[in-house]
Amino acid sequence: MLDLKSSYETPRPLPAIAPVAHRSLSNLLSQMPPVGLGEIQDVALLRRFDTKIVLREDQLTRILAQLRDAYNVLEIAGQRIHRYHTLYFDTPTLTFYHQHHNGQRNRYKVRIRTYEDSGLAYLEVKCKTNQDITIKERLPLPESIATINAEGQHFLDAILPLPAATLLPVLGNTFRRVTLVSKQRAERLTLDIGLSFRMGRSGIVLPGIAIVEIKQPAYSLCSEFIGQTRKLGLRTTSFSKYCTGVALLAPQVKHNAFKPQLGLLDRIFQGGNN
């Protein structure tokens, strides 16, 4: 068992990735119509069906080149690639991690997510139901913090099947995100790049990896993005940033169920992912 109480240190963001690494993506995004934060609330989809695809950044750029007329891109203060920091919480025995590993339905994730460019922060709970629906609830925070305060504990106790007081910070995660909104249907895409993880004194960066999440009220192959990925032979996959980070940085924790995802990352690093 991972001894969180003795090994945990507040996660620190790893060095920022140079903007030049994403120049091709930035050029493509500049050609897409912008949408504001207020407008995107209409497709917040806090209750939704999620589909994930893990691919190389160059594959993502090729796909987006075909979809410039299908999506709008979220722009805030002139920025279209936004910086995120997430701090995940779990019990000392990693209850939420093992829920996911064991394929349990009605499983949970608890995190504090900071939108670094705007300074906004939220305490969030994600629940995957036995109908494979993702439900997200969140509490605005006055600032990014590394602990759950009394208001946060009250919020969590009304949602979780275990006491919020048992939760500890486990894993830090930084990445950059692009958000796209379909012009044709209730669909939102998040494109995450520049991923890094920190647990205690250990950290790891996943260069060249892109994680795309298609959020829909119900799964539909009408998605233009899904159509392009199918043409390239790319497959959808289950992929959790939290579970992947724990499996990479705490190999002594059981992770057999995540070996396909870890193997996919290895194949992408070697130049392929089919």
Protein backbone atom coordinates (compact mmCIF):
# COMPACT_ATOMS: atom_id res chain seq x y z
CA MET A 1 0.00 0.00 0.00
CA LEU A 2 1.22 3.49 -0.81
CA ASP A 3 1.98 5.42 2.36
CA LEU A 4 0.54 8.79 1.38
CA LYS A 5 0.93 10.39 4.78
CA SER A 6 4.69 9.93 4.82
CA SER A 7 5.47 10.40 1.12
CA TYR A 8 3.16 13.16 -0.04
CA GLU A 9 4.46 16.63 -0.86
CA THR A 10 2.43 19.43 -2.42
CA PRO A 11 2.71 18.86 -6.17
CA ARG A 12 4.61 21.55 -8.02
CA PRO A 13 4.01 22.17 -11.74
CA LEU A 14 6.76 20.78 -13.94
CA PRO A 15 8.52 23.23 -16.28
CA ALA A 16 6.20 24.80 -18.81
CA ILE A 17 6.38 23.46 -22.35
CA ALA A 18 7.73 25.95 -24.86
CA PRO A 19 4.95 27.45 -27.02
CA VAL A 20 6.93 26.57 -30.14
CA ALA A 21 6.09 22.91 -29.49
CA HIS A 22 2.48 23.66 -30.37
CA ARG A 23 3.00 26.16 -33.20
CA SER A 24 1.20 24.05 -35.83
CA LEU A 25 -1.78 23.61 -33.53
CA SER A 26 -1.85 27.33 -32.71
CA ASN A 27 -1.82 28.20 -36.41
CA LEU A 28 -4.79 25.92 -37.06
CA LEU A 29 -6.74 27.27 -34.11
CA SER A 30 -6.23 30.82 -35.33
CA GLN A 31 -8.24 29.91 -38.45
CA MET A 32 -11.29 28.74 -36.48
CA PRO A 33 -14.13 31.04 -35.34
CA PRO A 34 -13.94 31.93 -31.62
CA VAL A 35 -16.61 31.37 -28.99
CA GLY A 36 -16.70 33.05 -25.58
CA LEU A 37 -16.93 31.49 -22.14
CA GLY A 38 -20.48 32.73 -21.70
CA GLU A 39 -21.63 31.11 -24.93
CA ILE A 40 -20.02 27.76 -24.09
CA GLN A 41 -22.17 27.39 -20.97
CA ASP A 42 -25.01 26.28 -23.26
CA VAL A 43 -23.02 23.10 -23.96
CA ALA A 44 -21.50 22.61 -20.49
CA LEU A 45 -22.82 19.01 -20.52
CA LEU A 46 -22.31 18.34 -16.82
CA ARG A 47 -24.34 15.16 -17.38
CA ARG A 48 -22.96 13.47 -20.48
CA PHE A 49 -21.48 10.53 -22.35
CA ASP A 50 -17.70 10.76 -22.74
CA THR A 51 -15.60 9.20 -25.50
CA LYS A 52 -11.80 9.38 -25.27
CA ILE A 53 -9.11 9.00 -27.90
CA VAL A 54 -5.36 9.04 -27.19
CA LEU A 55 -3.16 9.96 -30.13
CA ARG A 56 -0.02 11.81 -31.22
CA GLU A 57 -0.09 15.59 -31.42
CA ASP A 58 0.78 15.47 -35.13
CA GLN A 59 -2.24 13.21 -35.74
CA LEU A 60 -4.43 15.66 -33.86
CA THR A 61 -3.18 18.52 -36.04
CA ARG A 62 -3.94 16.53 -39.21
CA ILE A 63 -7.48 15.82 -38.02
CA LEU A 64 -8.18 19.43 -37.07
CA ALA A 65 -6.98 20.60 -40.48
CA GLN A 66 -10.03 18.80 -41.91
CA LEU A 67 -12.45 20.21 -39.32
CA ARG A 68 -11.87 23.96 -39.34
CA ASP A 69 -15.42 24.59 -40.55
CA ALA A 70 -17.11 22.16 -38.15
CA TYR A 71 -16.16 23.65 -34.77
CA ASN A 72 -15.74 26.93 -32.93
CA VAL A 73 -12.84 27.31 -30.48
CA LEU A 74 -13.06 28.72 -26.97
CA GLU A 75 -11.15 31.99 -26.65
CA ILE A 76 -10.54 33.77 -23.33
CA ALA A 77 -8.62 37.06 -23.23
CA GLY A 78 -7.20 36.31 -26.67
CA GLN A 79 -5.93 32.86 -25.65
CA ARG A 80 -7.06 29.63 -27.32
CA ILE A 81 -4.69 27.21 -25.57
CA HIS A 82 -5.30 27.36 -21.82
CA ARG A 83 -3.22 26.18 -18.86
CA TYR A 84 -4.76 23.85 -16.27
CA HIS A 85 -3.56 22.43 -12.98
CA THR A 86 -5.39 19.60 -11.23
CA LEU A 87 -4.86 18.21 -7.74
CA TYR A 88 -6.51 14.82 -7.15
CA PHE A 89 -7.67 13.61 -3.74
CA ASP A 90 -8.16 10.04 -2.55
CA THR A 91 -8.19 8.01 0.65
CA PRO A 92 -4.93 6.61 2.12
CA THR A 93 -5.81 3.25 0.52
CA LEU A 94 -6.60 4.88 -2.86
CA THR A 95 -10.29 3.96 -2.81
CA PHE A 96 -11.19 5.95 -5.94
CA TYR A 97 -8.21 4.59 -7.87
CA HIS A 98 -9.16 1.02 -7.04
CA GLN A 99 -12.82 1.67 -7.89
CA HIS A 100 -11.68 2.54 -11.40
CA HIS A 101 -9.13 -0.28 -11.59
CA ASN A 102 -11.75 -2.85 -10.60
CA GLY A 103 -14.31 -1.54 -13.10
CA GLN A 104 -16.74 -0.49 -10.39
CA ARG A 105 -19.73 1.54 -11.52
CA ASN A 106 -20.84 4.60 -9.59
CA ARG A 107 -17.16 5.42 -9.12
CA TYR A 108 -15.80 8.80 -8.17
CA LYS A 109 -12.97 11.25 -8.69
CA VAL A 110 -12.37 14.26 -6.46
CA ARG A 111 -10.12 17.10 -7.56
CA ILE A 112 -9.32 20.78 -7.27
CA ARG A 113 -8.92 22.20 -10.74
CA THR A 114 -7.30 25.56 -11.37
CA TYR A 115 -7.71 27.44 -14.63
CA GLU A 116 -4.38 29.18 -14.49
CA ASP A 117 -4.99 31.85 -17.13
CA SER A 118 -8.16 33.11 -15.44
CA GLY A 119 -7.26 32.28 -11.83
CA LEU A 120 -10.56 30.42 -11.34
CA ALA A 121 -10.56 27.29 -9.19
CA TYR A 122 -13.18 24.66 -8.39
CA LEU A 123 -13.55 21.67 -6.13
CA GLU A 124 -15.02 19.04 -8.46
CA VAL A 125 -16.57 15.61 -8.15
CA LYS A 126 -16.98 13.34 -11.19
CA CYS A 127 -19.17 10.26 -10.92
CA LYS A 128 -19.35 7.55 -13.61
CA THR A 129 -22.74 5.88 -13.20
CA ASN A 130 -23.75 2.30 -13.93
CA GLN A 131 -25.35 3.64 -17.14
CA ASP A 132 -21.89 4.83 -18.24
CA ILE A 133 -22.98 8.47 -17.83
CA THR A 134 -20.56 11.02 -16.37
CA ILE A 135 -22.02 13.49 -13.87
CA LYS A 136 -19.89 16.41 -12.69
CA GLU A 137 -20.62 18.69 -9.75
CA ARG A 138 -18.40 21.52 -8.65
CA LEU A 139 -17.96 24.18 -5.99
CA PRO A 140 -16.28 27.52 -6.82
CA LEU A 141 -13.23 28.28 -4.67
CA PRO A 142 -11.91 31.75 -3.82
CA GLU A 143 -8.41 30.61 -4.82
CA SER A 144 -6.39 27.54 -5.74
CA ILE A 145 -5.70 25.58 -2.56
CA ALA A 146 -4.12 22.22 -1.73
CA THR A 147 -6.53 21.26 1.05
CA ILE A 148 -10.28 20.79 1.35
CA ASN A 149 -11.77 23.44 3.65
CA ALA A 150 -14.89 23.14 5.78
CA GLU A 151 -17.20 24.33 3.00
CA GLY A 152 -15.60 21.83 0.65
CA GLN A 153 -16.05 18.98 3.13
CA HIS A 154 -19.73 19.84 3.50
CA PHE A 155 -20.08 19.87 -0.31
CA LEU A 156 -18.35 16.49 -0.65
CA ASP A 157 -20.21 14.84 2.24
CA ALA A 158 -23.49 15.50 0.41
CA ILE A 159 -22.22 13.62 -2.67
CA LEU A 160 -19.66 10.96 -1.73
CA PRO A 161 -20.34 7.56 -0.14
CA LEU A 162 -17.44 8.10 2.29
CA PRO A 163 -16.45 10.92 4.67
CA ALA A 164 -14.64 13.82 3.03
CA ALA A 165 -12.39 14.05 6.09
CA THR A 166 -10.66 10.83 4.97
CA LEU A 167 -9.35 12.38 1.72
CA LEU A 168 -5.75 13.41 1.11
CA PRO A 169 -4.06 15.09 -1.87
CA VAL A 170 -2.42 12.38 -3.99
CA LEU A 171 -1.44 13.50 -7.49
CA GLY A 172 -0.77 16.79 -9.27
CA ASN A 173 -1.35 17.12 -13.01
CA THR A 174 -0.66 20.00 -15.41
CA PHE A 175 -1.64 20.29 -19.05
CA ARG A 176 -2.79 22.66 -21.75
CA ARG A 177 -6.31 22.47 -23.12
CA VAL A 178 -8.16 23.53 -26.22
CA THR A 179 -11.97 23.46 -26.11
CA LEU A 180 -14.00 23.11 -29.32
CA VAL A 181 -17.77 23.43 -29.71
CA SER A 182 -19.65 21.85 -32.59
CA LYS A 183 -21.55 24.18 -34.89
CA GLN A 184 -24.12 21.48 -35.68
CA ARG A 185 -25.00 19.67 -32.44
CA ALA A 186 -24.68 19.60 -28.65
CA GLU A 187 -21.09 18.41 -28.61
CA ARG A 188 -17.96 19.71 -26.96
CA LEU A 189 -14.38 18.53 -27.40
CA THR A 190 -11.46 19.00 -25.05
CA LEU A 191 -7.97 18.54 -26.51
CA ASP A 192 -5.31 18.08 -23.81
CA ILE A 193 -1.60 18.36 -24.60
CA GLY A 194 1.63 18.94 -22.70
CA LEU A 195 0.69 16.56 -19.88
CA SER A 196 2.82 16.17 -16.78
CA PHE A 197 2.29 14.47 -13.42
CA ARG A 198 3.76 14.98 -9.95
CA MET A 199 3.50 12.66 -6.95
CA GLY A 200 5.62 13.48 -3.95
CA ARG A 201 9.19 13.96 -5.18
CA SER A 202 8.58 12.13 -8.46
CA GLY A 203 7.37 13.59 -11.74
CA ILE A 204 6.92 12.59 -15.35
CA VAL A 205 6.15 14.39 -18.63
CA LEU A 206 4.28 12.84 -21.58
CA PRO A 207 5.66 14.71 -24.61
CA GLY A 208 3.81 14.53 -27.92
CA ILE A 209 0.71 12.92 -26.37
CA ALA A 210 -2.77 14.33 -26.99
CA ILE A 211 -5.91 13.20 -25.17
CA VAL A 212 -9.20 14.08 -26.82
CA GLU A 213 -12.50 13.79 -24.99
CA ILE A 214 -15.75 14.03 -26.95
CA LYS A 215 -18.60 15.05 -24.67
CA GLN A 216 -22.14 14.35 -25.93
CA PRO A 217 -25.61 14.03 -24.36
CA ALA A 218 -25.57 10.48 -25.81
CA TYR A 219 -23.00 8.68 -27.92
CA SER A 220 -23.35 9.53 -31.61
CA LEU A 221 -21.22 8.62 -34.64
CA CYS A 222 -22.46 11.84 -36.27
CA SER A 223 -19.52 13.63 -34.60
CA GLU A 224 -17.24 15.03 -37.29
CA PHE A 225 -14.21 14.42 -35.06
CA ILE A 226 -15.10 10.77 -34.48
CA GLY A 227 -15.58 10.38 -38.23
CA GLN A 228 -12.06 11.64 -38.94
CA THR A 229 -10.47 9.40 -36.30
CA ARG A 230 -12.22 6.35 -37.76
CA LYS A 231 -10.73 7.19 -41.16
CA LEU A 232 -7.27 7.06 -39.56
CA GLY A 233 -8.04 3.76 -37.84
CA LEU A 234 -7.79 5.30 -34.37
CA ARG A 235 -9.69 3.58 -31.59
CA THR A 236 -11.55 4.98 -28.64
CA THR A 237 -10.19 3.96 -25.25
CA SER A 238 -10.79 4.27 -21.55
CA PHE A 239 -8.19 6.71 -20.20
CA SER A 240 -8.04 8.40 -16.82
CA LYS A 241 -5.37 11.01 -16.18
CA TYR A 242 -5.56 10.30 -12.45
CA CYS A 243 -5.22 6.53 -12.76
CA THR A 244 -2.51 6.82 -15.42
CA GLY A 245 -0.49 9.19 -13.26
CA VAL A 246 -0.74 6.91 -10.23
CA ALA A 247 0.17 3.82 -12.31
CA LEU A 248 3.22 5.60 -13.78
CA LEU A 249 4.52 7.12 -10.54
CA ALA A 250 3.53 4.43 -8.02
CA PRO A 251 4.25 1.15 -9.86
CA GLN A 252 3.95 -0.77 -6.58
CA VAL A 253 0.18 -0.10 -6.67
CA LYS A 254 -1.89 -2.69 -8.54
CA HIS A 255 -2.31 -1.52 -12.14
CA ASN A 256 -2.93 -4.63 -14.28
CA ALA A 257 -6.20 -3.18 -15.60
CA PHE A 258 -4.35 -0.15 -16.95
CA LYS A 259 -1.64 -2.04 -18.84
CA PRO A 260 -3.45 -1.52 -22.20
CA GLN A 261 -3.38 2.26 -21.66
CA LEU A 262 0.27 2.21 -20.59
CA GLY A 263 1.09 0.06 -23.60
CA LEU A 264 -0.72 2.54 -25.85
CA LEU A 265 1.44 5.35 -24.49
CA ASP A 266 4.57 3.28 -25.20
CA ARG A 267 3.44 2.70 -28.79
CA ILE A 268 2.75 6.39 -29.31
CA PHE A 269 6.20 7.27 -28.00
CA GLN A 270 7.62 4.83 -30.56
CA GLY A 271 5.73 6.53 -33.40
CA GLY A 272 2.49 4.60 -33.70
CA ASN A 273 -0.76 3.90 -31.87
CA ASN A 274 -2.80 1.42 -33.88
